[in-house]
Amino acid sequence: MKFGQLRFGQLKVGRLLVAGLAAVGLAATTVGGATAAVPTPTPGALQQYDISATYVSGLSSGGFMANQLHVAYSDVFEGAGIFSAGPYDCAQNSVSTAQYACMDTFMPRKTPAQLEQLTRDRAATGKVDAVANLAGDKVWLFHGTNDTTVKAAVNDDLASYYRDFGANVVYDNTSAAGHAWVSPLGPNSCSSTSSPYVNNCGGDPVRGMLTHLLGGVNAASTSALTGKLVRFDQSAYAPGGNAGAISMGNEGFAYVPQSCQSGASCKLMVTLHGCYQYFGVVGNALMDKAYLNEYADTNDMIVLYPQATTMTGNPRGCWDWWGYKSADYAQKSGPQMTAVTNMARALGAGSANPPAGLPAPTGLTATATTETSASLSWNAVAGAASYDVYRDGTKVNSAPVTSTTYTDTALTAATTYSYAVAAVDAAGTVGTRSGTVNATTTGSSPVCVTASNYAHTQAGRAHQSGGYAYANGSNQNLGLWNVLASSTLKETAPGYWVKC
C-alpha cells in the first residue's frame, strides 16, 4: 500500500508515521472480481430470533468500536474478539491523539489504569454499564508482528485494560500478519496491509476466536451456505432516522442460518469492518472472506454486519472512535453506538430469558413537542410498578415513572430523538423494551458558523491547547489553532459547541 505524506504541525513526518493513519483511514485499492460465496442479499427488515448470547468483533476502527460497544453495553455484549486496536477511549476525543498516540506512539497516551478509572467514573453516572459486568467476560485479541498500523504497545494496553477488569483474555500476538482480519479465506498474503484487509496466514484464528468466546465450536461448513443474507435499512435504527447523518451507510447486512430461521436458540455476532473496508468500497469482501458465515451455519450463529461510510471529518469510512461525529462517541449515547445496539436488539440481543409477566409496553406515541421537550404516552402493562424511558438507547428518567406518560426535557431544537419504554415490576426487574417512536422538537436548527480556528477562540466558541483549537463544551478537536485552519460550529446548548 502506498501512503502519501502528512504534516504534523509544521513538521514533515516520514512514511512510518503516515502508515499509522490506516486505522483512522486505510487507503483503498480495487478489489478483484472473485465470485462471492456469501448469498445474494435479500431486502428485508431485521426480525427477532431466539438469541442466547451476543458478542462483538471487529478490525482496526471496528476493533476500537467493538471495545466501546462491549464496555458501554456490557449488559448486552458478553464478550469481544478484536483484531488490532487499543483500549477504551484511548483517543480522548482527538484525531491527533488517535493517530499519534493510539495507533503510533509518538505522543503520550492515557495509561490503562487512567482509562479504567475513566470507565468507572462513567459507569457511576450511567454513561456506560457497570464495570462489574466485564469480570469473567471472554475477550480474544489479535495483533500481527507485521502490523505497524496500530502498534503492539497499544494492543498490549487493550489486553491490560481488560485483564485489570477481570476479563478472561486470550491474546494472539505471534502471527506474522499485517494489519488485517485474518482468515483461511483471506485473498491477501499474511504480511500484507492492503485492501480488502483480509489476510491468509495458513491457520484459522477465526476458529480460535470463536472457540474462546463461545466455549467451543463445530467445524466450519465446507458446503455452500444455506442461510440468507438480509439487506436492511440502517436508518430505521439510527438516532434521528438518518444513517448518513451519523456516517453510517444506507444499508446493513445480517447473515441468518437456516437453523435460526427455524426457531433454534442462536448466538449473535456483531462484526465491524475497518476503515476503507465498508461495503461501498470493498463490496461483500469481508462478509464473504471473514470465515464467519461458515461457522455460523454449523454453530447456530447469526452474524450482523453494520456498515459505516464517509462524511466530513471521516473521509475513509471509519467507525467513530475518536469523536469525528459526537463527543459521546464511546458512551451509550454515542449515535453509532446507539444505532448498532438498536440493530442487535432488533435481532433479539438482550432478550434471552425475558422477565415473565412484563412484556413490552404497546401504543408508545409522541403526543407533543416543544423546542426543548418531547411528551410520550403508552398503554399500561399489567403488573408494572413503574416504567423506564429510553432516549436513543439510554435511560433518561432518574426516578421511577409511575404513570403511562412522560415528558423529556432539556432537548435541542429541531432535533429528532428515538424513544422506547420498558415496564418495571415491584422487585425492580426491567421488562422487555417497546418498539421505538421518533419525536422531533420544534424550532429552527442551530445556525452553523464558519470561521478560522483563531476567530472561533476569540469569539468564545472554542479554546486552544497545545497549538490546537477545541470546541467549547464538546471539546471536539478542530485542528490547528491559527488563521489558516477553519471549521464550522453550531451551538446546541448554551456554551456547548459542536461541529456542523
Protein backbone atom coordinates (compact mmCIF):
# COMPACT_ATOMS: atom_id res chain seq x y z
CA MET A 1 0.00 0.00 0.00
CA LYS A 2 1.25 3.46 -0.80
CA PHE A 3 0.63 6.28 1.65
CA GLY A 4 1.13 9.98 0.97
CA GLN A 5 2.99 12.45 3.14
CA LEU A 6 1.38 14.19 6.10
CA ARG A 7 2.13 17.37 8.05
CA PHE A 8 2.13 17.16 11.81
CA GLY A 9 2.03 20.79 12.97
CA GLN A 10 4.72 22.35 10.76
CA LEU A 11 6.95 19.26 10.60
CA LYS A 12 7.04 16.67 7.86
CA VAL A 13 6.57 13.20 9.23
CA GLY A 14 8.04 10.22 7.41
CA ARG A 15 6.42 7.23 5.85
CA LEU A 16 6.31 5.20 9.04
CA LEU A 17 4.13 7.78 10.78
CA VAL A 18 1.82 8.14 7.80
CA ALA A 19 1.25 4.41 7.75
CA GLY A 20 -0.28 4.86 11.17
CA LEU A 21 -3.19 6.71 9.58
CA ALA A 22 -4.68 3.42 8.43
CA ALA A 23 -6.99 2.87 11.41
CA VAL A 24 -8.29 6.40 11.00
CA GLY A 25 -8.34 5.72 7.25
CA LEU A 26 -6.72 2.99 5.18
CA ALA A 27 -6.06 3.69 1.51
CA ALA A 28 -8.17 1.51 -0.75
CA THR A 29 -7.33 -0.47 -3.85
CA THR A 30 -9.70 -2.08 -6.27
CA VAL A 31 -10.95 -5.48 -5.22
CA GLY A 32 -10.70 -8.23 -7.78
CA GLY A 33 -13.73 -9.88 -9.31
CA ALA A 34 -13.67 -13.12 -7.34
CA THR A 35 -17.07 -14.80 -7.16
CA ALA A 36 -18.52 -14.45 -3.67
CA ALA A 37 -19.77 -17.48 -1.74
CA VAL A 38 -21.93 -15.34 0.51
CA PRO A 39 -25.59 -15.49 -0.63
CA THR A 40 -27.11 -12.75 -2.74
CA PRO A 41 -28.63 -10.18 -0.35
CA THR A 42 -32.38 -10.32 0.24
CA PRO A 43 -34.03 -6.97 1.04
CA GLY A 44 -35.93 -7.04 4.32
CA ALA A 45 -36.15 -5.87 7.91
CA LEU A 46 -34.35 -7.30 10.94
CA GLN A 47 -36.53 -9.81 12.80
CA GLN A 48 -36.47 -11.14 16.35
CA TYR A 49 -34.79 -14.51 16.87
CA ASP A 50 -34.13 -16.64 19.94
CA ILE A 51 -30.74 -15.15 20.90
CA SER A 52 -28.98 -16.84 23.81
CA ALA A 53 -25.80 -14.71 23.86
CA THR A 54 -24.39 -11.71 21.98
CA TYR A 55 -20.77 -10.94 21.08
CA VAL A 56 -18.97 -8.25 19.10
CA SER A 57 -15.88 -8.39 16.91
CA GLY A 58 -14.01 -6.01 14.65
CA LEU A 59 -10.83 -4.89 12.92
CA SER A 60 -8.95 -1.61 13.41
CA SER A 61 -11.53 1.20 13.73
CA GLY A 62 -14.07 -1.63 14.01
CA GLY A 63 -11.92 -3.13 16.77
CA PHE A 64 -11.92 0.13 18.72
CA MET A 65 -15.69 0.31 18.17
CA ALA A 66 -16.13 -3.32 19.29
CA ASN A 67 -14.37 -2.50 22.55
CA GLN A 68 -16.52 0.62 23.02
CA LEU A 69 -19.71 -1.38 22.50
CA HIS A 70 -18.60 -4.16 24.84
CA VAL A 71 -17.69 -1.70 27.61
CA ALA A 72 -20.64 0.68 27.23
CA TYR A 73 -23.25 -2.05 26.72
CA SER A 74 -21.77 -4.85 28.83
CA ASP A 75 -25.34 -5.81 29.79
CA VAL A 76 -25.86 -6.73 26.13
CA PHE A 77 -22.47 -7.95 24.86
CA GLU A 78 -20.92 -10.90 26.68
CA GLY A 79 -17.52 -10.85 25.01
CA ALA A 80 -15.40 -9.39 22.23
CA GLY A 81 -12.99 -10.52 19.51
CA ILE A 82 -10.69 -7.73 18.36
CA PHE A 83 -8.15 -7.60 15.55
CA SER A 84 -5.62 -4.80 16.18
CA ALA A 85 -6.99 -1.97 18.33
CA GLY A 86 -6.33 -0.09 21.55
CA PRO A 87 -8.10 0.39 24.88
CA TYR A 88 -11.38 2.12 25.63
CA ASP A 89 -11.46 5.83 24.68
CA CYS A 90 -7.72 5.98 24.11
CA ALA A 91 -8.27 8.82 21.61
CA GLN A 92 -9.84 11.18 24.17
CA ASN A 93 -11.94 12.96 21.52
CA SER A 94 -8.87 13.99 19.49
CA VAL A 95 -7.90 12.86 16.00
CA SER A 96 -4.28 13.79 16.72
CA THR A 97 -4.23 11.60 19.82
CA ALA A 98 -5.88 8.83 17.83
CA GLN A 99 -3.20 8.94 15.14
CA TYR A 100 -0.06 9.65 17.09
CA ALA A 101 -0.74 8.07 20.49
CA CYS A 102 -3.33 5.33 19.97
CA MET A 103 -2.03 3.93 16.67
CA ASP A 104 1.53 5.13 16.51
CA THR A 105 3.30 6.04 19.74
CA PHE A 106 4.93 9.41 19.02
CA MET A 107 2.72 11.15 21.58
CA PRO A 108 1.96 10.12 25.16
CA ARG A 109 -1.36 8.38 25.79
CA LYS A 110 -3.51 7.61 28.79
CA THR A 111 -2.37 4.54 30.71
CA PRO A 112 -4.70 1.54 31.06
CA ALA A 113 -5.16 2.46 34.73
CA GLN A 114 -6.26 6.00 33.81
CA LEU A 115 -8.72 4.70 31.22
CA GLU A 116 -10.03 2.16 33.70
CA GLN A 117 -10.81 4.97 36.15
CA LEU A 118 -12.48 6.94 33.37
CA THR A 119 -14.66 3.89 32.70
CA ARG A 120 -15.58 3.57 36.38
CA ASP A 121 -16.50 7.25 36.54
CA ARG A 122 -18.76 6.92 33.51
CA ALA A 123 -20.36 3.76 34.88
CA ALA A 124 -21.16 5.62 38.12
CA THR A 125 -23.23 8.14 36.15
CA GLY A 126 -24.85 5.59 33.82
CA LYS A 127 -22.96 6.66 30.72
CA VAL A 128 -21.72 3.08 30.37
CA ASP A 129 -22.91 -0.13 32.01
CA ALA A 130 -21.43 -1.39 35.29
CA VAL A 131 -17.78 -2.39 35.00
CA ALA A 132 -18.51 -5.45 37.16
CA ASN A 133 -20.14 -6.96 34.07
CA LEU A 134 -16.71 -7.27 32.41
CA ALA A 135 -15.37 -9.65 35.04
CA GLY A 136 -15.24 -13.13 33.53
CA ASP A 137 -16.25 -11.98 30.04
CA LYS A 138 -14.40 -13.76 27.24
CA VAL A 139 -12.10 -11.48 25.22
CA TRP A 140 -9.94 -12.59 22.28
CA LEU A 141 -7.28 -10.22 20.93
CA PHE A 142 -5.07 -10.46 17.84
CA HIS A 143 -2.08 -8.44 16.64
CA GLY A 144 0.37 -9.47 13.92
CA THR A 145 4.11 -8.89 14.06
CA ASN A 146 3.99 -7.15 10.64
CA ASP A 147 1.21 -4.80 11.76
CA THR A 148 2.71 -1.34 12.27
CA THR A 149 -0.60 0.48 11.78
CA VAL A 150 -1.72 0.06 15.40
CA LYS A 151 1.49 -0.54 17.30
CA ALA A 152 1.96 -3.57 19.52
CA ALA A 153 2.25 -1.43 22.66
CA VAL A 154 -1.23 -0.01 22.08
CA ASN A 155 -2.67 -3.51 21.63
CA ASP A 156 -0.86 -4.53 24.82
CA ASP A 157 -2.68 -1.72 26.63
CA LEU A 158 -6.00 -3.16 25.48
CA ALA A 159 -5.04 -6.54 26.94
CA SER A 160 -4.06 -4.89 30.24
CA TYR A 161 -7.29 -2.88 30.34
CA TYR A 162 -9.45 -5.98 30.01
CA ARG A 163 -7.36 -8.11 32.39
CA ASP A 164 -7.49 -5.43 35.09
CA PHE A 165 -11.29 -5.62 34.97
CA GLY A 166 -11.15 -9.41 35.40
CA ALA A 167 -11.96 -10.41 31.82
CA ASN A 168 -10.82 -13.81 30.55
CA VAL A 169 -8.34 -12.70 27.87
CA VAL A 170 -6.63 -14.70 25.13
CA TYR A 171 -4.06 -12.59 23.27
CA ASP A 172 -2.66 -13.97 19.98
CA ASN A 173 0.34 -11.77 19.10
CA THR A 174 2.76 -14.19 17.42
CA SER A 175 1.33 -14.32 13.88
CA ALA A 176 3.29 -12.67 11.05
CA ALA A 177 0.10 -10.92 9.93
CA GLY A 178 -0.10 -7.35 8.70
CA HIS A 179 -2.94 -5.01 9.61
CA ALA A 180 -5.96 -7.10 8.62
CA TRP A 181 -8.66 -9.55 9.59
CA VAL A 182 -7.05 -13.00 9.26
CA SER A 183 -8.97 -15.93 7.82
CA PRO A 184 -8.35 -19.14 5.84
CA LEU A 185 -10.31 -17.49 3.01
CA GLY A 186 -8.26 -14.29 3.01
CA PRO A 187 -7.26 -13.17 -0.51
CA ASN A 188 -4.14 -11.33 0.71
CA SER A 189 -0.77 -12.68 1.83
CA CYS A 190 -0.16 -12.93 5.55
CA SER A 191 2.07 -9.87 5.99
CA SER A 192 0.03 -7.61 3.71
CA THR A 193 -1.65 -4.37 4.73
CA SER A 194 -3.82 -3.71 1.70
CA SER A 195 -7.43 -3.79 0.56
CA PRO A 196 -9.66 -5.63 1.30
CA TYR A 197 -7.70 -6.19 4.55
CA VAL A 198 -8.43 -9.90 4.87
CA ASN A 199 -5.24 -11.98 5.04
CA ASN A 200 -4.44 -15.68 4.91
CA CYS A 201 -1.69 -16.77 7.31
CA GLY A 202 -2.16 -20.52 6.88
CA GLY A 203 -4.08 -21.05 10.12
CA ASP A 204 -7.57 -20.34 11.40
CA PRO A 205 -7.62 -17.59 14.03
CA VAL A 206 -11.38 -17.21 13.48
CA ARG A 207 -11.82 -20.67 14.97
CA GLY A 208 -9.56 -19.64 17.85
CA MET A 209 -11.66 -16.55 18.46
CA LEU A 210 -14.99 -18.36 18.35
CA THR A 211 -13.72 -21.27 20.44
CA HIS A 212 -12.70 -18.89 23.20
CA LEU A 213 -15.81 -16.71 23.04
CA LEU A 214 -18.38 -19.48 22.65
CA GLY A 215 -16.59 -22.17 24.68
CA GLY A 216 -16.10 -24.50 21.69
CA VAL A 217 -17.31 -24.71 18.10
CA ASN A 218 -18.17 -27.26 15.47
CA ALA A 219 -16.02 -27.29 12.34
CA ALA A 220 -16.87 -24.67 9.76
CA SER A 221 -19.12 -25.73 6.90
CA THR A 222 -17.36 -26.82 3.72
CA SER A 223 -20.60 -26.81 1.71
CA ALA A 224 -22.48 -23.95 0.12
CA LEU A 225 -24.01 -21.64 2.68
CA THR A 226 -27.67 -22.41 3.36
CA GLY A 227 -28.65 -19.27 5.29
CA LYS A 228 -29.89 -15.94 3.96
CA LEU A 229 -28.12 -12.59 3.82
CA VAL A 230 -30.62 -9.88 4.77
CA ARG A 231 -30.00 -6.37 3.43
CA PHE A 232 -31.78 -3.86 5.70
CA ASP A 233 -32.26 -0.11 6.03
CA GLN A 234 -29.88 1.17 8.73
CA SER A 235 -31.78 4.45 9.09
CA ALA A 236 -34.54 2.55 10.87
CA TYR A 237 -32.13 2.03 13.78
CA ALA A 238 -30.17 5.30 13.71
CA PRO A 239 -30.97 8.11 16.15
CA GLY A 240 -32.94 10.67 14.20
CA GLY A 241 -33.79 8.14 11.49
CA ASN A 242 -30.91 9.13 9.21
CA ALA A 243 -27.94 6.74 9.00
CA GLY A 244 -25.98 9.04 6.67
CA ALA A 245 -26.09 11.85 9.21
CA ILE A 246 -24.00 9.74 11.61
CA SER A 247 -21.60 8.41 8.96
CA MET A 248 -23.33 5.07 8.51
CA GLY A 249 -24.33 3.56 5.18
CA ASN A 250 -27.90 3.30 3.96
CA GLU A 251 -27.77 -0.49 4.10
CA GLY A 252 -26.52 -3.04 6.60
CA PHE A 253 -26.43 -6.83 6.35
CA ALA A 254 -27.17 -9.83 8.54
CA TYR A 255 -26.40 -13.48 7.78
CA VAL A 256 -29.08 -15.75 9.29
CA PRO A 257 -28.53 -19.55 9.19
CA GLN A 258 -31.40 -21.84 8.33
CA SER A 259 -31.48 -23.22 11.88
CA CYS A 260 -32.05 -19.76 13.38
CA GLN A 261 -34.82 -19.06 10.87
CA SER A 262 -36.46 -22.30 12.01
CA GLY A 263 -36.54 -21.29 15.68
CA ALA A 264 -33.29 -22.70 17.12
CA SER A 265 -31.65 -20.89 20.01
CA CYS A 266 -28.77 -18.96 18.40
CA LYS A 267 -25.82 -16.76 19.27
CA LEU A 268 -25.38 -13.32 17.71
CA MET A 269 -22.03 -11.98 16.48
CA VAL A 270 -21.85 -8.28 15.57
CA THR A 271 -18.87 -7.77 13.22
CA LEU A 272 -17.47 -4.32 12.46
CA HIS A 273 -15.27 -3.61 9.45
CA GLY A 274 -12.17 -1.41 9.41
CA CYS A 275 -11.62 1.89 7.60
CA TYR A 276 -11.96 1.66 3.82
CA GLN A 277 -13.43 -1.80 4.34
CA TYR A 278 -17.08 -0.84 4.21
CA PHE A 279 -19.47 -2.24 1.59
CA GLY A 280 -19.29 0.83 -0.65
CA VAL A 281 -15.54 0.27 -1.16
CA VAL A 282 -14.85 -3.48 -0.89
CA GLY A 283 -18.32 -4.82 -1.68
CA ASN A 284 -19.02 -8.08 0.13
CA ALA A 285 -15.31 -8.95 0.57
CA LEU A 286 -15.41 -9.00 4.38
CA MET A 287 -18.77 -10.76 4.58
CA ASP A 288 -17.51 -13.33 2.06
CA LYS A 289 -13.95 -13.88 3.32
CA ALA A 290 -14.10 -13.35 7.10
CA TYR A 291 -14.95 -17.07 7.57
CA LEU A 292 -17.75 -16.27 9.99
CA ASN A 293 -20.75 -17.40 7.94
CA GLU A 294 -19.21 -20.85 7.53
CA TYR A 295 -19.07 -21.20 11.31
CA ALA A 296 -22.49 -19.60 11.63
CA ASP A 297 -24.09 -22.40 9.60
CA THR A 298 -22.70 -25.14 11.85
CA ASN A 299 -22.94 -23.35 15.19
CA ASP A 300 -26.37 -21.64 15.17
CA MET A 301 -24.92 -18.13 14.99
CA ILE A 302 -26.33 -15.03 13.32
CA VAL A 303 -23.73 -12.54 12.04
CA LEU A 304 -24.66 -8.85 11.88
CA TYR A 305 -22.53 -6.67 9.56
CA PRO A 306 -23.32 -2.97 10.22
CA GLN A 307 -21.81 -0.52 7.75
CA ALA A 308 -20.11 2.84 8.28
CA THR A 309 -19.49 5.25 5.42
CA THR A 310 -17.83 8.58 4.72
CA MET A 311 -18.77 12.09 5.83
CA THR A 312 -17.00 15.36 6.58
CA GLY A 313 -14.27 14.54 9.08
CA ASN A 314 -14.39 10.85 8.17
CA PRO A 315 -13.24 10.53 4.55
CA ARG A 316 -12.31 6.85 4.86
CA GLY A 317 -15.50 5.39 6.30
CA CYS A 318 -14.12 4.57 9.77
CA TRP A 319 -16.19 3.87 12.84
CA ASP A 320 -16.22 6.77 15.29
CA TRP A 321 -13.57 6.01 17.88
CA TRP A 322 -12.05 9.49 18.12
CA GLY A 323 -15.07 11.84 18.07
CA TYR A 324 -15.49 12.96 14.48
CA LYS A 325 -19.27 12.86 14.86
CA SER A 326 -20.04 13.09 18.56
CA ALA A 327 -18.17 13.85 21.76
CA ASP A 328 -20.18 10.96 23.27
CA TYR A 329 -18.79 8.51 20.70
CA ALA A 330 -17.61 5.97 23.32
CA GLN A 331 -20.68 6.20 25.57
CA LYS A 332 -24.09 4.55 25.41
CA SER A 333 -25.49 7.78 23.97
CA GLY A 334 -23.00 7.85 21.08
CA PRO A 335 -25.01 7.94 17.82
CA GLN A 336 -23.25 5.00 16.18
CA MET A 337 -23.20 3.07 19.47
CA THR A 338 -26.95 3.53 19.77
CA ALA A 339 -27.61 2.54 16.16
CA VAL A 340 -25.58 -0.69 16.26
CA THR A 341 -27.07 -1.70 19.61
CA ASN A 342 -30.57 -1.00 18.27
CA MET A 343 -29.82 -3.37 15.38
CA ALA A 344 -28.58 -6.06 17.77
CA ARG A 345 -31.68 -5.69 19.92
CA ALA A 346 -33.92 -5.85 16.86
CA LEU A 347 -32.44 -9.32 16.23
CA GLY A 348 -33.09 -10.36 19.84
CA ALA A 349 -29.92 -9.34 21.71
CA GLY A 350 -30.51 -8.82 25.40
CA SER A 351 -33.88 -10.55 25.27
CA ALA A 352 -32.81 -14.04 26.39
CA ASN A 353 -34.99 -15.20 29.30
CA PRO A 354 -37.13 -12.04 29.43
CA PRO A 355 -38.84 -11.37 32.78
CA ALA A 356 -42.14 -13.24 32.98
CA GLY A 357 -45.28 -11.09 33.10
CA LEU A 358 -43.54 -7.90 31.92
CA PRO A 359 -43.99 -7.70 28.18
CA ALA A 360 -43.05 -4.64 26.17
CA PRO A 361 -45.48 -1.73 26.53
CA THR A 362 -47.64 -1.12 23.47
CA GLY A 363 -49.03 2.03 21.93
CA LEU A 364 -45.98 4.23 22.52
CA THR A 365 -46.75 7.61 20.95
CA ALA A 366 -45.12 11.03 20.86
CA THR A 367 -48.02 13.26 21.91
CA ALA A 368 -46.41 16.71 21.80
CA THR A 369 -43.11 18.51 21.31
CA THR A 370 -41.67 21.93 22.02
CA GLU A 371 -38.25 23.36 21.21
CA THR A 372 -36.81 21.67 24.31
CA SER A 373 -39.17 18.83 25.23
CA ALA A 374 -40.98 15.74 23.96
CA SER A 375 -44.06 14.21 25.62
CA LEU A 376 -44.85 10.50 25.37
CA SER A 377 -47.69 8.17 26.28
CA TRP A 378 -48.17 4.39 26.16
CA ASN A 379 -50.54 1.66 27.28
CA ALA A 380 -50.30 0.27 30.81
CA VAL A 381 -48.66 -3.13 31.41
CA ALA A 382 -50.35 -5.43 33.94
CA GLY A 383 -48.13 -5.92 36.99
CA ALA A 384 -45.92 -2.92 36.29
CA ALA A 385 -44.91 -0.86 39.33
CA SER A 386 -43.22 1.77 37.17
CA TYR A 387 -41.65 2.38 33.79
CA ASP A 388 -38.23 3.32 32.40
CA VAL A 389 -37.96 5.64 29.40
CA TYR A 390 -35.06 5.41 26.94
CA ARG A 391 -33.89 8.15 24.61
CA ASP A 392 -31.63 6.95 21.79
CA GLY A 393 -30.96 3.78 23.78
CA THR A 394 -30.10 5.44 27.13
CA LYS A 395 -32.44 5.64 30.14
CA VAL A 396 -33.44 9.26 30.80
CA ASN A 397 -35.67 9.10 33.88
CA SER A 398 -33.78 9.48 37.16
CA ALA A 399 -36.81 8.47 39.26
CA PRO A 400 -39.38 5.73 38.57
CA VAL A 401 -42.15 6.80 36.17
CA THR A 402 -45.38 5.67 37.81
CA SER A 403 -47.80 6.86 35.13
CA THR A 404 -48.09 5.98 31.45
CA THR A 405 -46.90 9.41 30.32
CA TYR A 406 -43.54 11.15 30.41
CA THR A 407 -42.09 14.46 29.24
CA ASP A 408 -38.41 14.51 28.35
CA THR A 409 -36.80 17.95 28.76
CA ALA A 410 -33.58 19.88 28.09
CA LEU A 411 -33.60 18.81 24.43
CA THR A 412 -32.18 20.61 21.41
CA ALA A 413 -34.48 22.45 18.99
CA ALA A 414 -35.21 20.94 15.56
CA THR A 415 -33.70 17.58 16.54
CA THR A 416 -35.15 14.09 16.16
CA TYR A 417 -34.92 11.67 19.09
CA SER A 418 -35.81 7.96 19.30
CA TYR A 419 -37.72 6.70 22.36
CA ALA A 420 -38.58 3.32 23.88
CA VAL A 421 -40.24 2.30 27.16
CA ALA A 422 -39.94 -0.74 29.45
CA ALA A 423 -42.11 -1.84 32.36
CA VAL A 424 -40.52 -2.42 35.79
CA ASP A 425 -42.01 -4.84 38.35
CA ALA A 426 -42.21 -4.36 42.13
CA ALA A 427 -38.83 -6.09 42.59
CA GLY A 428 -37.14 -3.64 40.22
CA THR A 429 -36.75 -6.10 37.34
CA VAL A 430 -36.90 -4.33 33.99
CA GLY A 431 -39.01 -5.97 31.30
CA THR A 432 -38.74 -6.04 27.52
CA ARG A 433 -38.40 -2.67 25.79
CA SER A 434 -41.10 -1.45 23.45
CA GLY A 435 -40.57 -0.62 19.84
CA THR A 436 -39.21 2.85 19.18
CA VAL A 437 -41.01 6.03 18.21
CA ASN A 438 -39.36 9.21 16.91
CA ALA A 439 -40.09 12.70 18.22
CA THR A 440 -38.77 15.88 16.56
CA THR A 441 -38.52 19.05 18.62
CA THR A 442 -39.82 22.29 17.15
CA GLY A 443 -37.88 25.43 16.30
CA SER A 444 -35.06 26.23 13.95
CA SER A 445 -31.87 24.28 13.63
CA PRO A 446 -28.84 25.84 15.32
CA VAL A 447 -27.02 28.24 13.00
CA CYS A 448 -23.67 26.97 11.70
CA VAL A 449 -20.81 29.47 11.99
CA THR A 450 -17.76 29.11 9.74
CA ALA A 451 -14.58 30.93 10.76
CA SER A 452 -10.89 30.42 11.29
CA ASN A 453 -9.99 28.45 14.38
CA TYR A 454 -8.29 31.55 15.75
CA ALA A 455 -11.50 33.56 15.25
CA HIS A 456 -13.57 30.87 16.97
CA THR A 457 -11.41 31.18 20.10
CA GLN A 458 -11.59 34.96 20.03
CA ALA A 459 -15.40 34.79 19.80
CA GLY A 460 -15.73 32.32 22.69
CA ARG A 461 -16.84 29.39 20.58
CA ALA A 462 -13.61 27.46 21.13
CA HIS A 463 -10.42 27.40 23.16
CA GLN A 464 -6.86 26.43 22.35
CA SER A 465 -4.43 23.99 23.94
CA GLY A 466 -1.08 22.80 22.69
CA GLY A 467 -1.45 24.61 19.38
CA TYR A 468 -4.86 23.05 18.60
CA ALA A 469 -8.35 24.53 18.83
CA TYR A 470 -11.14 22.71 20.67
CA ALA A 471 -14.86 23.49 20.59
CA ASN A 472 -16.18 24.84 23.90
CA GLY A 473 -18.46 22.38 25.67
CA SER A 474 -17.96 19.34 23.42
CA ASN A 475 -14.15 19.67 23.36
CA GLN A 476 -14.09 18.40 19.78
CA ASN A 477 -10.70 18.84 18.11
CA LEU A 478 -10.98 21.48 15.34
CA GLY A 479 -7.41 21.26 14.09
CA LEU A 480 -4.53 23.71 14.25
CA TRP A 481 -5.10 26.97 16.12
CA ASN A 482 -4.30 29.61 13.51
CA VAL A 483 -5.95 31.92 10.99
CA LEU A 484 -5.47 29.49 8.09
CA ALA A 485 -7.31 26.48 9.54
CA SER A 486 -11.08 26.92 9.60
CA SER A 487 -14.03 24.94 10.91
CA THR A 488 -17.82 25.18 11.14
CA LEU A 489 -19.56 25.08 14.52
CA LYS A 490 -23.07 25.30 15.94
CA GLU A 491 -24.29 25.90 19.49
CA THR A 492 -26.66 23.09 20.52
CA ALA A 493 -27.00 24.30 24.12
CA PRO A 494 -25.74 27.41 25.94
CA GLY A 495 -21.96 27.30 25.78
CA TYR A 496 -21.94 23.85 24.08
CA TRP A 497 -20.50 23.97 20.56
CA VAL A 498 -20.15 21.08 18.14
CA LYS A 499 -19.00 20.63 14.56
CA CYS A 500 -21.73 21.08 11.96
